[in-house]
N, C-alpha and C. Protein backbone atom coordinates (compact mmCIF):
# COMPACT_ATOMS: atom_id res chain seq x y z
N MET A 1 -132.41 166.60 9.04
CA MET A 1 -132.59 167.75 9.89
C MET A 1 -134.02 167.80 10.40
N THR A 2 -134.16 168.12 11.64
CA THR A 2 -135.50 168.27 12.18
C THR A 2 -135.84 169.75 12.29
N ASN A 3 -137.12 170.03 12.27
CA ASN A 3 -137.63 171.41 12.39
C ASN A 3 -137.10 172.35 11.32
N PHE A 4 -136.76 171.82 10.16
CA PHE A 4 -136.29 172.64 9.05
C PHE A 4 -137.50 173.36 8.44
N GLN A 5 -137.37 174.69 8.24
CA GLN A 5 -138.47 175.47 7.68
C GLN A 5 -137.99 176.28 6.48
N ALA A 6 -138.83 176.33 5.48
CA ALA A 6 -138.59 177.21 4.34
C ALA A 6 -139.69 178.27 4.40
N LEU A 7 -139.31 179.50 4.69
CA LEU A 7 -140.26 180.58 4.81
C LEU A 7 -140.28 181.40 3.52
N GLU A 8 -141.46 181.50 2.91
CA GLU A 8 -141.58 182.29 1.69
C GLU A 8 -141.58 183.78 2.03
N ARG A 9 -140.76 184.55 1.33
CA ARG A 9 -140.63 185.99 1.56
C ARG A 9 -140.87 186.72 0.24
N GLU A 10 -141.30 187.97 0.38
CA GLU A 10 -141.51 188.83 -0.79
C GLU A 10 -140.31 189.73 -1.01
N ASN A 11 -139.97 189.90 -2.26
CA ASN A 11 -138.99 190.90 -2.65
C ASN A 11 -139.65 191.77 -3.72
N PHE A 12 -139.30 193.05 -3.73
CA PHE A 12 -139.90 193.98 -4.68
C PHE A 12 -138.82 194.53 -5.59
N TYR A 13 -139.17 194.71 -6.86
CA TYR A 13 -138.19 195.20 -7.81
C TYR A 13 -138.87 195.99 -8.92
N LEU A 14 -138.07 196.79 -9.60
CA LEU A 14 -138.51 197.52 -10.79
C LEU A 14 -137.54 197.22 -11.92
N ASN A 15 -138.09 196.88 -13.07
CA ASN A 15 -137.29 196.72 -14.27
C ASN A 15 -137.08 198.11 -14.86
N MET A 16 -135.86 198.55 -14.96
CA MET A 16 -135.55 199.91 -15.40
C MET A 16 -135.33 200.01 -16.90
N PHE A 17 -135.59 198.94 -17.64
CA PHE A 17 -135.37 198.93 -19.08
C PHE A 17 -136.57 199.55 -19.80
N LYS A 18 -136.92 200.75 -19.37
CA LYS A 18 -137.99 201.51 -20.01
C LYS A 18 -137.80 202.98 -19.71
N ASP A 19 -138.57 203.80 -20.41
CA ASP A 19 -138.50 205.24 -20.18
C ASP A 19 -138.97 205.56 -18.77
N TYR A 20 -138.44 206.66 -18.24
CA TYR A 20 -138.85 207.09 -16.90
C TYR A 20 -140.37 207.25 -16.82
N GLU A 21 -140.99 207.82 -17.85
CA GLU A 21 -142.43 208.06 -17.84
C GLU A 21 -143.21 206.75 -17.69
N GLN A 22 -142.68 205.66 -18.27
CA GLN A 22 -143.33 204.35 -18.14
C GLN A 22 -143.19 203.81 -16.71
N ILE A 23 -142.14 204.18 -16.04
CA ILE A 23 -141.95 203.78 -14.64
C ILE A 23 -142.85 204.62 -13.75
N TYR A 24 -142.81 205.93 -13.97
CA TYR A 24 -143.56 206.89 -13.15
C TYR A 24 -145.06 206.64 -13.18
N VAL A 25 -145.59 206.23 -14.31
CA VAL A 25 -147.04 206.05 -14.44
C VAL A 25 -147.59 205.04 -13.42
N ASN A 26 -146.76 204.13 -12.95
CA ASN A 26 -147.21 203.11 -11.99
C ASN A 26 -147.04 203.52 -10.53
N PHE A 27 -146.48 204.70 -10.28
CA PHE A 27 -146.37 205.17 -8.91
C PHE A 27 -147.77 205.43 -8.36
N SER A 28 -147.92 205.32 -7.05
CA SER A 28 -149.21 205.62 -6.43
C SER A 28 -149.50 207.11 -6.55
N PRO A 29 -150.78 207.49 -6.53
CA PRO A 29 -151.12 208.93 -6.58
C PRO A 29 -150.45 209.73 -5.46
N ASP A 30 -150.36 209.15 -4.27
CA ASP A 30 -149.73 209.85 -3.15
C ASP A 30 -148.25 210.10 -3.42
N THR A 31 -147.56 209.11 -3.95
CA THR A 31 -146.14 209.26 -4.27
C THR A 31 -145.95 210.32 -5.34
N LYS A 32 -146.81 210.33 -6.34
CA LYS A 32 -146.73 211.36 -7.39
C LYS A 32 -146.92 212.75 -6.80
N ARG A 33 -147.85 212.90 -5.86
CA ARG A 33 -148.07 214.20 -5.20
C ARG A 33 -146.83 214.64 -4.43
N ILE A 34 -146.24 213.72 -3.70
CA ILE A 34 -145.04 214.02 -2.92
C ILE A 34 -143.92 214.49 -3.85
N LEU A 35 -143.70 213.78 -4.93
CA LEU A 35 -142.61 214.12 -5.85
C LEU A 35 -142.88 215.46 -6.55
N THR A 36 -144.13 215.73 -6.89
CA THR A 36 -144.49 217.01 -7.52
C THR A 36 -144.22 218.16 -6.55
N ARG A 37 -144.62 217.99 -5.30
CA ARG A 37 -144.38 219.01 -4.28
C ARG A 37 -142.89 219.25 -4.07
N GLN A 38 -142.11 218.19 -4.03
CA GLN A 38 -140.67 218.32 -3.86
C GLN A 38 -140.04 219.07 -5.03
N GLN A 39 -140.50 218.76 -6.23
CA GLN A 39 -139.96 219.44 -7.41
C GLN A 39 -140.32 220.92 -7.40
N GLU A 40 -141.53 221.24 -6.98
CA GLU A 40 -141.96 222.64 -6.92
C GLU A 40 -141.13 223.44 -5.93
N HIS A 41 -140.82 222.83 -4.78
CA HIS A 41 -140.05 223.54 -3.76
C HIS A 41 -138.56 223.58 -4.08
N GLY A 42 -138.05 222.56 -4.73
CA GLY A 42 -136.66 222.55 -5.19
C GLY A 42 -135.61 222.68 -4.10
N LYS A 43 -135.90 222.25 -2.89
CA LYS A 43 -134.93 222.42 -1.80
C LYS A 43 -134.14 221.16 -1.47
N LEU A 44 -134.50 220.04 -2.09
CA LEU A 44 -133.78 218.79 -1.83
C LEU A 44 -132.72 218.59 -2.89
N GLU A 45 -131.60 218.00 -2.46
CA GLU A 45 -130.47 217.78 -3.35
C GLU A 45 -129.82 216.45 -3.02
N ILE A 46 -129.43 215.71 -4.04
CA ILE A 46 -128.72 214.44 -3.88
C ILE A 46 -127.22 214.70 -4.05
N ARG A 47 -126.42 214.09 -3.16
CA ARG A 47 -124.97 214.16 -3.29
C ARG A 47 -124.38 212.80 -2.97
N ASP A 48 -123.27 212.49 -3.62
CA ASP A 48 -122.49 211.31 -3.23
C ASP A 48 -121.89 211.61 -1.86
N ILE A 49 -121.80 210.58 -1.02
CA ILE A 49 -121.18 210.72 0.30
C ILE A 49 -120.15 209.62 0.48
N ASN A 50 -119.29 209.74 1.50
CA ASN A 50 -118.30 208.69 1.75
C ASN A 50 -118.78 207.78 2.89
N SER A 51 -118.07 206.70 3.10
CA SER A 51 -118.49 205.70 4.08
C SER A 51 -118.43 206.22 5.51
N THR A 52 -117.48 207.09 5.81
CA THR A 52 -117.39 207.64 7.17
C THR A 52 -118.61 208.50 7.47
N LEU A 53 -118.98 209.36 6.56
CA LEU A 53 -120.17 210.19 6.75
C LEU A 53 -121.42 209.32 6.84
N PHE A 54 -121.50 208.31 5.99
CA PHE A 54 -122.65 207.40 6.03
C PHE A 54 -122.76 206.74 7.41
N CYS A 55 -121.66 206.17 7.89
CA CYS A 55 -121.70 205.45 9.18
C CYS A 55 -121.96 206.39 10.35
N ASN A 56 -121.32 207.55 10.36
CA ASN A 56 -121.55 208.50 11.45
C ASN A 56 -123.01 208.95 11.48
N TYR A 57 -123.54 209.33 10.33
CA TYR A 57 -124.93 209.76 10.25
C TYR A 57 -125.86 208.62 10.68
N SER A 58 -125.59 207.43 10.16
CA SER A 58 -126.44 206.28 10.46
C SER A 58 -126.45 205.95 11.95
N ASN A 59 -125.28 205.95 12.57
CA ASN A 59 -125.20 205.65 14.00
C ASN A 59 -125.98 206.67 14.83
N GLU A 60 -126.03 207.91 14.38
CA GLU A 60 -126.76 208.95 15.11
C GLU A 60 -128.27 208.88 14.88
N ASN A 61 -128.69 208.33 13.74
CA ASN A 61 -130.10 208.46 13.35
C ASN A 61 -130.86 207.15 13.16
N ILE A 62 -130.21 206.02 13.33
CA ILE A 62 -130.90 204.75 13.09
C ILE A 62 -132.00 204.55 14.13
N ASN A 63 -133.06 203.93 13.70
CA ASN A 63 -134.21 203.65 14.56
C ASN A 63 -133.78 202.82 15.77
N GLN A 64 -134.07 203.32 16.94
CA GLN A 64 -133.65 202.65 18.18
C GLN A 64 -134.44 201.37 18.47
N ASP A 65 -135.50 201.13 17.72
CA ASP A 65 -136.26 199.89 17.88
C ASP A 65 -135.57 198.70 17.21
N ILE A 66 -134.60 199.00 16.36
CA ILE A 66 -133.84 197.94 15.70
C ILE A 66 -132.90 197.33 16.73
N PRO A 67 -132.78 196.00 16.77
CA PRO A 67 -131.89 195.37 17.75
C PRO A 67 -130.48 195.96 17.69
N SER A 68 -129.85 196.09 18.86
CA SER A 68 -128.56 196.79 18.98
C SER A 68 -127.48 196.18 18.09
N PHE A 69 -127.50 194.88 17.86
CA PHE A 69 -126.50 194.24 17.01
C PHE A 69 -126.50 194.88 15.62
N TYR A 70 -127.69 195.19 15.11
CA TYR A 70 -127.81 195.76 13.77
C TYR A 70 -127.62 197.28 13.76
N ARG A 71 -127.76 197.91 14.90
CA ARG A 71 -127.64 199.37 14.96
C ARG A 71 -126.21 199.86 14.88
N ASN A 72 -125.23 199.04 15.24
CA ASN A 72 -123.84 199.47 15.18
C ASN A 72 -123.33 199.29 13.75
N LEU A 73 -123.50 200.34 12.97
CA LEU A 73 -123.17 200.25 11.55
C LEU A 73 -121.68 200.32 11.28
N ASN A 74 -120.88 200.59 12.28
CA ASN A 74 -119.43 200.59 12.06
C ASN A 74 -118.94 199.22 11.59
N GLN A 75 -119.63 198.16 12.03
CA GLN A 75 -119.24 196.83 11.58
C GLN A 75 -119.49 196.64 10.09
N TYR A 76 -120.40 197.42 9.52
CA TYR A 76 -120.67 197.36 8.09
C TYR A 76 -119.73 198.24 7.28
N LYS A 77 -119.00 199.13 7.95
CA LYS A 77 -118.14 200.06 7.24
C LYS A 77 -117.13 199.31 6.36
N ARG A 78 -116.60 198.23 6.84
CA ARG A 78 -115.63 197.45 6.06
C ARG A 78 -116.29 196.91 4.79
N ILE A 79 -117.51 196.40 4.91
CA ILE A 79 -118.23 195.90 3.74
C ILE A 79 -118.49 197.03 2.76
N ILE A 80 -118.88 198.17 3.29
CA ILE A 80 -119.15 199.33 2.44
C ILE A 80 -117.86 199.77 1.76
N ASP A 81 -116.76 199.86 2.51
CA ASP A 81 -115.49 200.28 1.93
C ASP A 81 -115.01 199.31 0.85
N LEU A 82 -115.16 198.02 1.09
CA LEU A 82 -114.78 197.03 0.06
C LEU A 82 -115.67 197.17 -1.17
N SER A 83 -116.93 197.47 -0.96
CA SER A 83 -117.85 197.68 -2.10
C SER A 83 -117.46 198.93 -2.88
N ILE A 84 -117.02 199.95 -2.18
CA ILE A 84 -116.54 201.16 -2.85
C ILE A 84 -115.30 200.83 -3.68
N GLU A 85 -114.37 200.07 -3.07
CA GLU A 85 -113.13 199.72 -3.76
C GLU A 85 -113.38 198.93 -5.04
N ASP A 86 -114.34 198.01 -5.00
CA ASP A 86 -114.58 197.20 -6.21
C ASP A 86 -115.61 197.84 -7.15
N GLY A 87 -116.06 199.04 -6.81
CA GLY A 87 -116.97 199.78 -7.69
C GLY A 87 -118.42 199.37 -7.62
N SER A 88 -118.78 198.57 -6.63
CA SER A 88 -120.16 198.10 -6.56
C SER A 88 -121.04 198.90 -5.61
N ALA A 89 -120.47 199.85 -4.89
CA ALA A 89 -121.25 200.62 -3.91
C ALA A 89 -121.75 201.92 -4.50
N LEU A 90 -122.88 202.34 -4.00
CA LEU A 90 -123.42 203.66 -4.27
C LEU A 90 -123.87 204.21 -2.92
N LEU A 91 -123.22 205.27 -2.47
CA LEU A 91 -123.58 205.94 -1.22
C LEU A 91 -124.13 207.31 -1.57
N GLN A 92 -125.36 207.55 -1.16
CA GLN A 92 -126.03 208.79 -1.50
C GLN A 92 -126.55 209.48 -0.24
N GLY A 93 -126.50 210.80 -0.27
CA GLY A 93 -127.08 211.60 0.80
C GLY A 93 -128.09 212.56 0.21
N VAL A 94 -129.16 212.80 0.93
CA VAL A 94 -130.15 213.81 0.54
C VAL A 94 -129.99 214.97 1.51
N TYR A 95 -129.85 216.15 0.94
CA TYR A 95 -129.66 217.37 1.71
C TYR A 95 -130.88 218.27 1.54
N TYR A 96 -131.25 218.90 2.64
CA TYR A 96 -132.31 219.90 2.63
C TYR A 96 -131.70 221.18 3.18
N GLU A 97 -131.63 222.19 2.33
CA GLU A 97 -131.01 223.46 2.72
C GLU A 97 -129.63 223.22 3.35
N ASN A 98 -128.85 222.39 2.69
CA ASN A 98 -127.47 222.06 3.09
C ASN A 98 -127.35 221.22 4.37
N ARG A 99 -128.45 220.67 4.86
CA ARG A 99 -128.42 219.76 6.02
C ARG A 99 -128.67 218.34 5.52
N LEU A 100 -127.81 217.42 5.92
CA LEU A 100 -127.99 216.02 5.56
C LEU A 100 -129.18 215.46 6.32
N ILE A 101 -130.16 214.92 5.58
CA ILE A 101 -131.38 214.43 6.24
C ILE A 101 -131.66 212.95 5.95
N THR A 102 -131.00 212.38 4.96
CA THR A 102 -131.20 210.97 4.61
C THR A 102 -129.93 210.45 3.96
N VAL A 103 -129.59 209.20 4.26
CA VAL A 103 -128.48 208.52 3.59
C VAL A 103 -128.97 207.16 3.11
N ALA A 104 -128.24 206.62 2.13
CA ALA A 104 -128.59 205.28 1.65
C ALA A 104 -127.34 204.61 1.09
N PHE A 105 -127.25 203.32 1.37
CA PHE A 105 -126.22 202.45 0.80
C PHE A 105 -126.92 201.53 -0.18
N LEU A 106 -126.48 201.57 -1.41
CA LEU A 106 -126.97 200.68 -2.46
C LEU A 106 -125.77 199.93 -3.01
N ARG A 107 -126.02 198.74 -3.52
CA ARG A 107 -124.89 197.94 -4.01
C ARG A 107 -125.28 197.24 -5.30
N TRP A 108 -124.38 197.32 -6.27
CA TRP A 108 -124.57 196.62 -7.53
C TRP A 108 -124.22 195.14 -7.37
N SER A 109 -125.05 194.29 -7.92
CA SER A 109 -124.77 192.86 -8.01
C SER A 109 -125.17 192.45 -9.42
N GLY A 110 -124.20 192.38 -10.31
CA GLY A 110 -124.52 192.18 -11.73
C GLY A 110 -125.30 193.39 -12.23
N ASN A 111 -126.46 193.13 -12.82
CA ASN A 111 -127.28 194.25 -13.31
C ASN A 111 -128.37 194.65 -12.31
N ARG A 112 -128.26 194.19 -11.08
CA ARG A 112 -129.21 194.57 -10.02
C ARG A 112 -128.60 195.61 -9.11
N LEU A 113 -129.35 196.68 -8.87
CA LEU A 113 -128.95 197.68 -7.90
C LEU A 113 -129.81 197.46 -6.67
N LYS A 114 -129.18 197.00 -5.58
CA LYS A 114 -129.91 196.63 -4.37
C LYS A 114 -129.94 197.79 -3.38
N PHE A 115 -131.12 198.12 -2.95
CA PHE A 115 -131.38 199.20 -2.00
C PHE A 115 -131.26 198.61 -0.60
N LEU A 116 -130.09 198.75 0.01
CA LEU A 116 -129.80 197.99 1.22
C LEU A 116 -130.05 198.74 2.53
N MET A 117 -129.62 199.97 2.63
CA MET A 117 -129.68 200.64 3.93
C MET A 117 -130.05 202.11 3.79
N PRO A 118 -131.34 202.43 3.82
CA PRO A 118 -131.72 203.85 3.86
C PRO A 118 -131.96 204.26 5.31
N ILE A 119 -131.46 205.43 5.68
CA ILE A 119 -131.66 205.92 7.05
C ILE A 119 -131.96 207.41 6.99
N SER A 120 -133.03 207.80 7.66
CA SER A 120 -133.45 209.21 7.69
C SER A 120 -133.59 209.68 9.12
N ASN A 121 -133.28 210.97 9.32
CA ASN A 121 -133.62 211.58 10.60
C ASN A 121 -135.07 212.05 10.52
N GLN A 122 -135.56 212.69 11.56
CA GLN A 122 -136.97 213.11 11.56
C GLN A 122 -137.26 214.09 10.44
N GLU A 123 -136.34 215.00 10.17
CA GLU A 123 -136.54 215.96 9.09
C GLU A 123 -136.59 215.25 7.73
N GLY A 124 -135.77 214.23 7.56
CA GLY A 124 -135.80 213.44 6.33
C GLY A 124 -137.13 212.74 6.14
N LYS A 125 -137.68 212.24 7.24
CA LYS A 125 -139.00 211.60 7.17
C LYS A 125 -140.07 212.62 6.83
N THR A 126 -140.02 213.79 7.47
CA THR A 126 -141.00 214.85 7.21
C THR A 126 -140.92 215.30 5.75
N GLN A 127 -139.71 215.43 5.22
CA GLN A 127 -139.52 215.88 3.84
C GLN A 127 -139.71 214.77 2.81
N LYS A 128 -139.96 213.54 3.28
CA LYS A 128 -140.12 212.38 2.39
C LYS A 128 -138.89 212.22 1.49
N ALA A 129 -137.73 212.37 2.11
CA ALA A 129 -136.47 212.39 1.37
C ALA A 129 -136.15 211.06 0.70
N THR A 130 -136.59 209.95 1.26
CA THR A 130 -136.32 208.66 0.63
C THR A 130 -137.05 208.55 -0.71
N SER A 131 -138.25 209.08 -0.79
CA SER A 131 -138.97 209.10 -2.07
C SER A 131 -138.20 209.92 -3.09
N PHE A 132 -137.69 211.06 -2.67
CA PHE A 132 -136.88 211.91 -3.54
C PHE A 132 -135.63 211.17 -4.01
N LEU A 133 -134.96 210.50 -3.09
CA LEU A 133 -133.75 209.74 -3.41
C LEU A 133 -134.04 208.67 -4.45
N LEU A 134 -135.08 207.87 -4.20
CA LEU A 134 -135.42 206.79 -5.13
C LEU A 134 -135.76 207.35 -6.50
N ASN A 135 -136.57 208.39 -6.54
CA ASN A 135 -136.96 208.97 -7.82
C ASN A 135 -135.73 209.48 -8.57
N SER A 136 -134.80 210.09 -7.87
CA SER A 136 -133.56 210.57 -8.50
C SER A 136 -132.76 209.41 -9.08
N ILE A 137 -132.66 208.34 -8.35
CA ILE A 137 -131.94 207.15 -8.83
C ILE A 137 -132.65 206.57 -10.06
N PHE A 138 -133.97 206.51 -10.01
CA PHE A 138 -134.72 205.97 -11.15
C PHE A 138 -134.45 206.79 -12.41
N HIS A 139 -134.40 208.10 -12.25
CA HIS A 139 -134.08 208.97 -13.40
C HIS A 139 -132.72 208.60 -13.98
N SER A 140 -131.75 208.30 -13.11
CA SER A 140 -130.39 208.07 -13.58
C SER A 140 -130.17 206.68 -14.17
N ILE A 141 -131.03 205.71 -13.84
CA ILE A 141 -130.80 204.34 -14.34
C ILE A 141 -131.89 203.84 -15.28
N CYS A 142 -132.87 204.69 -15.59
CA CYS A 142 -133.92 204.24 -16.51
C CYS A 142 -133.31 204.04 -17.91
N ASN A 143 -134.02 203.31 -18.74
CA ASN A 143 -133.57 202.99 -20.10
C ASN A 143 -132.28 202.18 -20.12
N GLN A 144 -132.03 201.43 -19.05
CA GLN A 144 -130.85 200.57 -18.99
C GLN A 144 -131.29 199.17 -18.60
N ASN A 145 -130.46 198.20 -18.91
CA ASN A 145 -130.73 196.82 -18.53
C ASN A 145 -130.39 196.63 -17.06
N VAL A 146 -131.22 197.25 -16.19
CA VAL A 146 -130.98 197.25 -14.76
C VAL A 146 -132.27 196.87 -14.04
N ILE A 147 -132.12 196.11 -13.00
CA ILE A 147 -133.22 195.81 -12.08
C ILE A 147 -132.93 196.58 -10.80
N PHE A 148 -133.88 197.42 -10.40
CA PHE A 148 -133.75 198.09 -9.10
C PHE A 148 -134.41 197.18 -8.08
N ASP A 149 -133.63 196.69 -7.13
CA ASP A 149 -134.06 195.70 -6.15
C ASP A 149 -134.28 196.39 -4.80
N PHE A 150 -135.54 196.47 -4.37
CA PHE A 150 -135.86 197.11 -3.10
C PHE A 150 -135.45 196.26 -1.91
N SER A 151 -135.08 195.02 -2.15
CA SER A 151 -134.66 194.08 -1.11
C SER A 151 -135.77 193.68 -0.16
N GLY A 152 -137.01 193.90 -0.54
CA GLY A 152 -138.16 193.42 0.24
C GLY A 152 -138.20 193.93 1.66
N SER A 153 -139.26 193.56 2.34
CA SER A 153 -139.36 193.88 3.75
C SER A 153 -140.48 193.07 4.37
N SER A 154 -140.23 192.63 5.59
CA SER A 154 -141.28 191.95 6.34
C SER A 154 -142.00 192.93 7.26
N VAL A 155 -141.59 194.20 7.22
CA VAL A 155 -142.26 195.24 8.00
C VAL A 155 -143.37 195.83 7.12
N PRO A 156 -144.62 195.67 7.52
CA PRO A 156 -145.73 196.07 6.65
C PRO A 156 -145.67 197.52 6.15
N SER A 157 -145.31 198.47 7.01
CA SER A 157 -145.28 199.88 6.57
C SER A 157 -144.19 200.11 5.53
N ILE A 158 -143.06 199.43 5.65
CA ILE A 158 -141.99 199.57 4.67
C ILE A 158 -142.38 198.90 3.36
N ALA A 159 -143.00 197.73 3.45
CA ALA A 159 -143.47 197.06 2.24
C ALA A 159 -144.49 197.93 1.50
N THR A 160 -145.38 198.58 2.22
CA THR A 160 -146.37 199.47 1.59
C THR A 160 -145.67 200.63 0.90
N PHE A 161 -144.66 201.22 1.56
CA PHE A 161 -143.90 202.31 0.96
C PHE A 161 -143.30 201.85 -0.37
N MET A 162 -142.68 200.69 -0.39
CA MET A 162 -142.05 200.17 -1.60
C MET A 162 -143.08 199.94 -2.70
N LYS A 163 -144.22 199.41 -2.34
CA LYS A 163 -145.27 199.12 -3.32
C LYS A 163 -145.81 200.40 -3.96
N ASN A 164 -145.65 201.54 -3.29
CA ASN A 164 -146.10 202.82 -3.85
C ASN A 164 -145.34 203.21 -5.11
N PHE A 165 -144.25 202.52 -5.41
CA PHE A 165 -143.47 202.82 -6.61
C PHE A 165 -143.81 201.87 -7.76
N GLY A 166 -144.92 201.16 -7.65
CA GLY A 166 -145.36 200.30 -8.75
C GLY A 166 -144.47 199.10 -8.97
N VAL A 167 -143.98 198.54 -7.90
CA VAL A 167 -143.03 197.43 -7.98
C VAL A 167 -143.67 196.15 -8.47
N GLU A 168 -142.82 195.27 -8.93
CA GLU A 168 -143.22 193.90 -9.20
C GLU A 168 -142.75 193.07 -8.01
N THR A 169 -143.39 191.95 -7.81
CA THR A 169 -143.06 191.10 -6.65
C THR A 169 -142.46 189.79 -7.14
N GLU A 170 -141.41 189.38 -6.47
CA GLU A 170 -140.85 188.05 -6.68
C GLU A 170 -140.73 187.41 -5.31
N TYR A 171 -140.70 186.10 -5.29
CA TYR A 171 -140.66 185.39 -4.02
C TYR A 171 -139.36 184.61 -3.90
N TYR A 172 -138.89 184.53 -2.68
CA TYR A 172 -137.70 183.74 -2.39
C TYR A 172 -137.95 183.04 -1.06
N TYR A 173 -137.07 182.12 -0.73
CA TYR A 173 -137.23 181.36 0.52
C TYR A 173 -136.07 181.65 1.47
N ALA A 174 -136.44 181.87 2.72
CA ALA A 174 -135.47 181.98 3.80
C ALA A 174 -135.56 180.67 4.56
N TYR A 175 -134.43 180.04 4.73
CA TYR A 175 -134.41 178.75 5.39
C TYR A 175 -133.93 178.89 6.83
N SER A 176 -134.60 178.19 7.71
CA SER A 176 -134.18 178.21 9.11
C SER A 176 -134.39 176.84 9.72
N TRP A 177 -133.73 176.62 10.82
CA TRP A 177 -133.91 175.36 11.57
C TRP A 177 -133.68 175.59 13.01
């Protein structure tokens, strides 16, 4: 093969086989402030959601800078539904005063919980709802033989967000030609 390339990529993860306090201590000071403020206000709530609500919300709120092929999440609905059927999916919504402001699709792969598709509207971004969502999930899976897999990012601002949770880094290769 000619022009074959192996591109090194970063992936971020947290080992959840420890107490929540041991996980929390590695969060950035800014993330700790955000979570403290959210807890004080007590207006955010996590709920399980179904795939139809996830896809409808996502189609309405996905970043328009993402290429159109990836923005049509209805094509992913079948994958999400199959994941729900086999018990590997986790669909979560964050509500603020009963308004859905953030959704996320996570999927189990063995003992790894992969954070695949978080989508927030402007209010979700303002309320830092993804931080709330992640912290809630960490509470529920800490002290277990679980790896929380952020699934990495080549977008610098998203990678910085992930690193605010005290992640560990692993490297993998993406191959192209």
